């Protein structure tokens, strides 16, 4: 049962990464459907759809999915906003000098 939950969560993370990088479209829909049903046919459809992304899009998805998986590993299942998580104290200096935040 744990392996099914792990596969489901991995596909959900991948679907979220696709949504955040290339948007909601047929790739996102295929991966999300595979996450919901865990059926072999849906896995194949998601694989075909994912292979249609170009190299740059695939790289972006990989980076975002890896970051999301790391956050999930550290914080567990979290449905709230990412901004609600405690900030990393090692990044305080960077945030303090950020010109985008108007403090630099």
N, C-alpha and C. Protein backbone atom coordinates (compact mmCIF):
# COMPACT_ATOMS: atom_id res chain seq x y z
N UNK A 1 0.82 -1.20 0.00
CA UNK A 1 0.00 0.00 0.00
C UNK A 1 0.86 1.26 0.00
N UNK A 2 1.99 1.24 0.72
CA UNK A 2 2.85 2.40 0.79
C UNK A 2 3.43 2.74 -0.58
N UNK A 3 3.72 1.73 -1.38
CA UNK A 3 4.27 1.97 -2.71
C UNK A 3 3.24 2.65 -3.61
N UNK A 4 1.97 2.28 -3.47
CA UNK A 4 0.90 2.92 -4.25
C UNK A 4 0.77 4.38 -3.84
N UNK A 5 0.82 4.65 -2.55
CA UNK A 5 0.76 6.03 -2.07
C UNK A 5 1.96 6.83 -2.56
N UNK A 6 3.13 6.21 -2.57
CA UNK A 6 4.34 6.88 -3.03
C UNK A 6 4.24 7.21 -4.51
N UNK A 7 3.77 6.25 -5.31
CA UNK A 7 3.59 6.50 -6.74
C UNK A 7 2.58 7.61 -6.99
N UNK A 8 1.49 7.56 -6.25
CA UNK A 8 0.45 8.58 -6.40
C UNK A 8 1.00 9.96 -6.07
N UNK A 9 1.74 10.08 -4.96
CA UNK A 9 2.28 11.37 -4.56
C UNK A 9 3.32 11.85 -5.56
N UNK A 10 4.15 10.95 -6.08
CA UNK A 10 5.15 11.33 -7.07
C UNK A 10 4.48 11.87 -8.34
N UNK A 11 3.43 11.22 -8.78
CA UNK A 11 2.71 11.71 -9.95
C UNK A 11 2.01 13.03 -9.68
N UNK A 12 1.49 13.21 -8.47
CA UNK A 12 0.86 14.49 -8.12
C UNK A 12 1.90 15.61 -8.12
N UNK A 13 3.08 15.33 -7.61
CA UNK A 13 4.16 16.33 -7.62
C UNK A 13 4.55 16.65 -9.05
N UNK A 14 4.65 15.63 -9.89
CA UNK A 14 4.98 15.85 -11.29
C UNK A 14 3.90 16.67 -11.99
N UNK A 15 2.64 16.36 -11.74
CA UNK A 15 1.53 17.11 -12.34
C UNK A 15 1.58 18.57 -11.91
N UNK A 16 1.86 18.81 -10.63
CA UNK A 16 1.96 20.18 -10.13
C UNK A 16 3.14 20.91 -10.81
N UNK A 17 4.25 20.22 -10.98
CA UNK A 17 5.41 20.83 -11.63
C UNK A 17 5.12 21.17 -13.09
N UNK A 18 4.41 20.29 -13.76
CA UNK A 18 4.02 20.57 -15.15
C UNK A 18 3.11 21.79 -15.19
N UNK A 19 2.16 21.85 -14.29
CA UNK A 19 1.23 22.98 -14.22
C UNK A 19 1.98 24.29 -13.99
N UNK A 20 2.94 24.29 -13.08
CA UNK A 20 3.66 25.50 -12.73
C UNK A 20 4.68 25.93 -13.78
N UNK A 21 5.13 25.02 -14.64
CA UNK A 21 6.16 25.39 -15.62
C UNK A 21 5.61 25.56 -17.03
N UNK A 22 4.84 24.60 -17.52
CA UNK A 22 4.34 24.70 -18.89
C UNK A 22 2.84 24.94 -18.95
N UNK A 23 2.19 24.93 -17.80
CA UNK A 23 0.76 25.24 -17.75
C UNK A 23 -0.13 24.02 -17.80
N UNK A 24 -1.41 24.29 -17.65
CA UNK A 24 -2.37 23.19 -17.72
C UNK A 24 -2.67 22.94 -19.18
N UNK A 25 -2.48 21.76 -19.57
CA UNK A 25 -2.73 21.34 -20.94
C UNK A 25 -2.84 19.83 -20.96
N UNK A 26 -2.61 19.26 -22.13
CA UNK A 26 -2.79 17.82 -22.23
C UNK A 26 -1.76 17.04 -21.43
N UNK A 27 -0.55 17.58 -21.27
CA UNK A 27 0.47 16.88 -20.48
C UNK A 27 0.06 16.87 -19.01
N UNK A 28 -0.34 18.02 -18.51
CA UNK A 28 -0.79 18.11 -17.12
C UNK A 28 -1.99 17.19 -16.89
N UNK A 29 -2.94 17.22 -17.79
CA UNK A 29 -4.14 16.40 -17.64
C UNK A 29 -3.80 14.91 -17.65
N UNK A 30 -2.88 14.51 -18.51
CA UNK A 30 -2.51 13.10 -18.60
C UNK A 30 -1.80 12.63 -17.33
N UNK A 31 -0.88 13.44 -16.82
CA UNK A 31 -0.17 13.05 -15.60
C UNK A 31 -1.11 13.05 -14.41
N UNK A 32 -1.99 14.03 -14.33
CA UNK A 32 -2.95 14.09 -13.23
C UNK A 32 -3.90 12.90 -13.26
N UNK A 33 -4.34 12.52 -14.45
CA UNK A 33 -5.23 11.35 -14.57
C UNK A 33 -4.50 10.09 -14.13
N UNK A 34 -3.24 9.95 -14.52
CA UNK A 34 -2.45 8.79 -14.10
C UNK A 34 -2.31 8.76 -12.58
N UNK A 35 -2.16 9.93 -11.96
CA UNK A 35 -2.04 10.01 -10.50
C UNK A 35 -3.35 9.60 -9.83
N UNK A 36 -4.45 9.93 -10.46
CA UNK A 36 -5.75 9.63 -9.86
C UNK A 36 -6.14 8.17 -10.02
N UNK A 37 -5.86 7.59 -11.19
CA UNK A 37 -6.32 6.22 -11.46
C UNK A 37 -5.26 5.16 -11.20
N UNK A 38 -3.98 5.51 -11.40
CA UNK A 38 -2.86 4.57 -11.30
C UNK A 38 -3.03 3.38 -12.23
N UNK A 39 -3.73 3.57 -13.34
CA UNK A 39 -3.95 2.52 -14.33
C UNK A 39 -2.81 2.50 -15.34
N UNK A 40 -2.47 1.29 -15.83
CA UNK A 40 -1.37 1.15 -16.79
C UNK A 40 -1.60 1.98 -18.04
N UNK A 41 -2.82 1.97 -18.54
CA UNK A 41 -3.14 2.75 -19.75
C UNK A 41 -2.87 4.24 -19.52
N UNK A 42 -3.24 4.74 -18.36
CA UNK A 42 -3.03 6.16 -18.05
C UNK A 42 -1.55 6.48 -17.87
N UNK A 43 -0.79 5.51 -17.32
CA UNK A 43 0.67 5.70 -17.23
C UNK A 43 1.27 5.87 -18.63
N UNK A 44 0.85 5.00 -19.54
CA UNK A 44 1.38 5.07 -20.91
C UNK A 44 1.00 6.39 -21.58
N UNK A 45 -0.23 6.81 -21.39
CA UNK A 45 -0.69 8.08 -21.97
C UNK A 45 0.11 9.25 -21.39
N UNK A 46 0.34 9.23 -20.09
CA UNK A 46 1.12 10.30 -19.46
C UNK A 46 2.55 10.30 -19.97
N UNK A 47 3.12 9.12 -20.13
CA UNK A 47 4.48 9.01 -20.67
C UNK A 47 4.58 9.57 -22.07
N UNK A 48 3.63 9.23 -22.91
CA UNK A 48 3.61 9.76 -24.29
C UNK A 48 3.48 11.27 -24.28
N UNK A 49 2.57 11.77 -23.48
CA UNK A 49 2.35 13.22 -23.42
C UNK A 49 3.60 13.92 -22.90
N UNK A 50 4.22 13.37 -21.86
CA UNK A 50 5.40 14.01 -21.27
C UNK A 50 6.56 14.03 -22.26
N UNK A 51 6.70 12.99 -23.07
CA UNK A 51 7.78 12.95 -24.06
C UNK A 51 7.59 13.99 -25.16
N UNK A 52 6.42 14.57 -25.27
CA UNK A 52 6.18 15.60 -26.29
C UNK A 52 6.73 16.97 -25.86
N UNK A 53 7.08 17.12 -24.60
CA UNK A 53 7.69 18.38 -24.15
C UNK A 53 9.09 18.49 -24.75
N UNK A 54 9.51 19.72 -25.02
CA UNK A 54 10.87 19.89 -25.53
C UNK A 54 11.88 19.81 -24.39
N UNK A 55 13.14 19.80 -24.74
CA UNK A 55 14.22 19.60 -23.77
C UNK A 55 14.19 20.68 -22.67
N UNK A 56 13.99 21.93 -23.07
CA UNK A 56 13.97 23.03 -22.09
C UNK A 56 12.80 22.90 -21.12
N UNK A 57 11.63 22.56 -21.65
CA UNK A 57 10.46 22.39 -20.78
C UNK A 57 10.65 21.22 -19.82
N UNK A 58 11.21 20.13 -20.32
CA UNK A 58 11.47 18.97 -19.48
C UNK A 58 12.43 19.33 -18.35
N UNK A 59 13.45 20.13 -18.66
CA UNK A 59 14.39 20.56 -17.63
C UNK A 59 13.74 21.41 -16.56
N UNK A 60 12.87 22.33 -16.98
CA UNK A 60 12.16 23.18 -16.02
C UNK A 60 11.26 22.34 -15.11
N UNK A 61 10.55 21.40 -15.70
CA UNK A 61 9.67 20.53 -14.93
C UNK A 61 10.49 19.73 -13.92
N UNK A 62 11.64 19.23 -14.35
CA UNK A 62 12.49 18.44 -13.46
C UNK A 62 12.94 19.27 -12.25
N UNK A 63 13.35 20.50 -12.48
CA UNK A 63 13.81 21.36 -11.39
C UNK A 63 12.67 21.63 -10.40
N UNK A 64 11.51 22.00 -10.90
CA UNK A 64 10.38 22.31 -10.02
C UNK A 64 9.90 21.07 -9.28
N UNK A 65 9.84 19.93 -9.97
CA UNK A 65 9.41 18.69 -9.32
C UNK A 65 10.39 18.27 -8.23
N UNK A 66 11.67 18.44 -8.49
CA UNK A 66 12.67 18.09 -7.49
C UNK A 66 12.54 18.99 -6.26
N UNK A 67 12.35 20.29 -6.47
CA UNK A 67 12.16 21.21 -5.35
C UNK A 67 10.91 20.85 -4.55
N UNK A 68 9.82 20.54 -5.25
CA UNK A 68 8.58 20.19 -4.57
C UNK A 68 8.73 18.89 -3.80
N UNK A 69 9.41 17.92 -4.38
CA UNK A 69 9.62 16.64 -3.69
C UNK A 69 10.48 16.83 -2.45
N UNK A 70 11.47 17.71 -2.53
CA UNK A 70 12.32 17.97 -1.37
C UNK A 70 11.50 18.65 -0.27
N UNK A 71 10.65 19.60 -0.64
CA UNK A 71 9.78 20.24 0.36
C UNK A 71 8.84 19.22 0.99
N UNK A 72 8.30 18.33 0.18
CA UNK A 72 7.42 17.29 0.71
C UNK A 72 8.18 16.39 1.67
N UNK A 73 9.41 16.04 1.31
CA UNK A 73 10.23 15.18 2.17
C UNK A 73 10.50 15.87 3.51
N UNK A 74 10.77 17.17 3.47
CA UNK A 74 11.10 17.90 4.69
C UNK A 74 9.89 18.22 5.54
N UNK A 75 8.80 18.62 4.91
CA UNK A 75 7.64 19.14 5.65
C UNK A 75 6.42 18.23 5.62
N UNK A 76 6.44 17.19 4.82
CA UNK A 76 5.29 16.31 4.71
C UNK A 76 4.24 16.90 3.80
N UNK A 77 3.05 16.35 3.87
CA UNK A 77 1.96 16.81 3.02
C UNK A 77 1.46 18.15 3.53
N UNK A 78 1.60 19.17 2.75
CA UNK A 78 1.25 20.52 3.16
C UNK A 78 0.41 21.16 2.08
N UNK A 79 -0.84 21.47 2.38
CA UNK A 79 -1.75 22.02 1.39
C UNK A 79 -1.84 23.54 1.42
N UNK A 80 -1.20 24.17 2.40
CA UNK A 80 -1.25 25.62 2.51
C UNK A 80 -0.30 26.29 1.54
N UNK A 81 -0.23 27.57 1.63
CA UNK A 81 0.65 28.35 0.78
C UNK A 81 2.10 28.11 1.16
N UNK A 82 2.98 28.10 0.17
CA UNK A 82 4.40 27.91 0.41
C UNK A 82 4.93 29.07 1.25
N UNK A 83 4.35 30.24 1.09
CA UNK A 83 4.82 31.40 1.85
C UNK A 83 4.53 31.26 3.35
N UNK A 84 3.63 30.33 3.72
CA UNK A 84 3.34 30.10 5.14
C UNK A 84 4.42 29.31 5.85
N UNK A 85 5.30 28.66 5.08
CA UNK A 85 6.37 27.86 5.68
C UNK A 85 7.40 28.80 6.31
N UNK A 86 8.07 28.32 7.33
CA UNK A 86 9.10 29.12 7.99
C UNK A 86 10.25 29.39 7.02
N UNK A 87 10.74 30.62 6.96
CA UNK A 87 11.83 30.94 6.04
C UNK A 87 13.13 30.27 6.48
N UNK A 88 13.98 30.01 5.52
CA UNK A 88 15.28 29.42 5.80
C UNK A 88 16.18 30.51 6.38
N UNK A 89 16.66 30.38 7.62
CA UNK A 89 17.47 31.43 8.24
C UNK A 89 18.78 31.69 7.49
N UNK A 90 19.26 30.71 6.73
CA UNK A 90 20.49 30.92 5.96
C UNK A 90 20.31 31.95 4.85
N UNK A 91 19.05 32.23 4.48
CA UNK A 91 18.79 33.15 3.38
C UNK A 91 18.41 34.55 3.86
N UNK A 92 18.48 34.82 5.14
CA UNK A 92 18.12 36.14 5.67
C UNK A 92 18.92 37.25 5.03
N UNK A 93 20.21 37.06 4.86
CA UNK A 93 21.06 38.08 4.27
C UNK A 93 20.64 38.39 2.85
N UNK A 94 20.28 37.37 2.10
CA UNK A 94 19.85 37.57 0.71
C UNK A 94 18.54 38.35 0.69
N UNK A 95 17.59 37.97 1.53
CA UNK A 95 16.32 38.67 1.56
C UNK A 95 16.49 40.12 2.01
N UNK A 96 17.38 40.37 2.94
CA UNK A 96 17.57 41.72 3.46
C UNK A 96 18.11 42.66 2.40
N UNK A 97 18.86 42.12 1.45
CA UNK A 97 19.49 42.96 0.44
C UNK A 97 18.77 42.91 -0.91
N UNK A 98 17.59 42.34 -0.94
CA UNK A 98 16.88 42.18 -2.19
C UNK A 98 16.35 43.51 -2.70
N UNK A 99 16.73 43.87 -3.92
CA UNK A 99 16.23 45.10 -4.50
C UNK A 99 14.78 44.94 -4.95
N UNK A 100 14.36 43.72 -5.23
CA UNK A 100 12.97 43.50 -5.62
C UNK A 100 12.02 43.75 -4.45
N UNK A 101 12.49 43.55 -3.25
CA UNK A 101 11.64 43.81 -2.08
C UNK A 101 11.71 45.27 -1.64
N UNK A 102 12.55 46.05 -2.31
CA UNK A 102 12.64 47.47 -2.01
C UNK A 102 13.47 47.79 -0.77
N UNK A 103 14.28 46.85 -0.33
CA UNK A 103 15.06 47.10 0.88
C UNK A 103 16.55 47.22 0.59
N UNK A 104 16.94 47.08 -0.67
CA UNK A 104 18.37 47.04 -0.97
C UNK A 104 18.96 48.27 -1.43
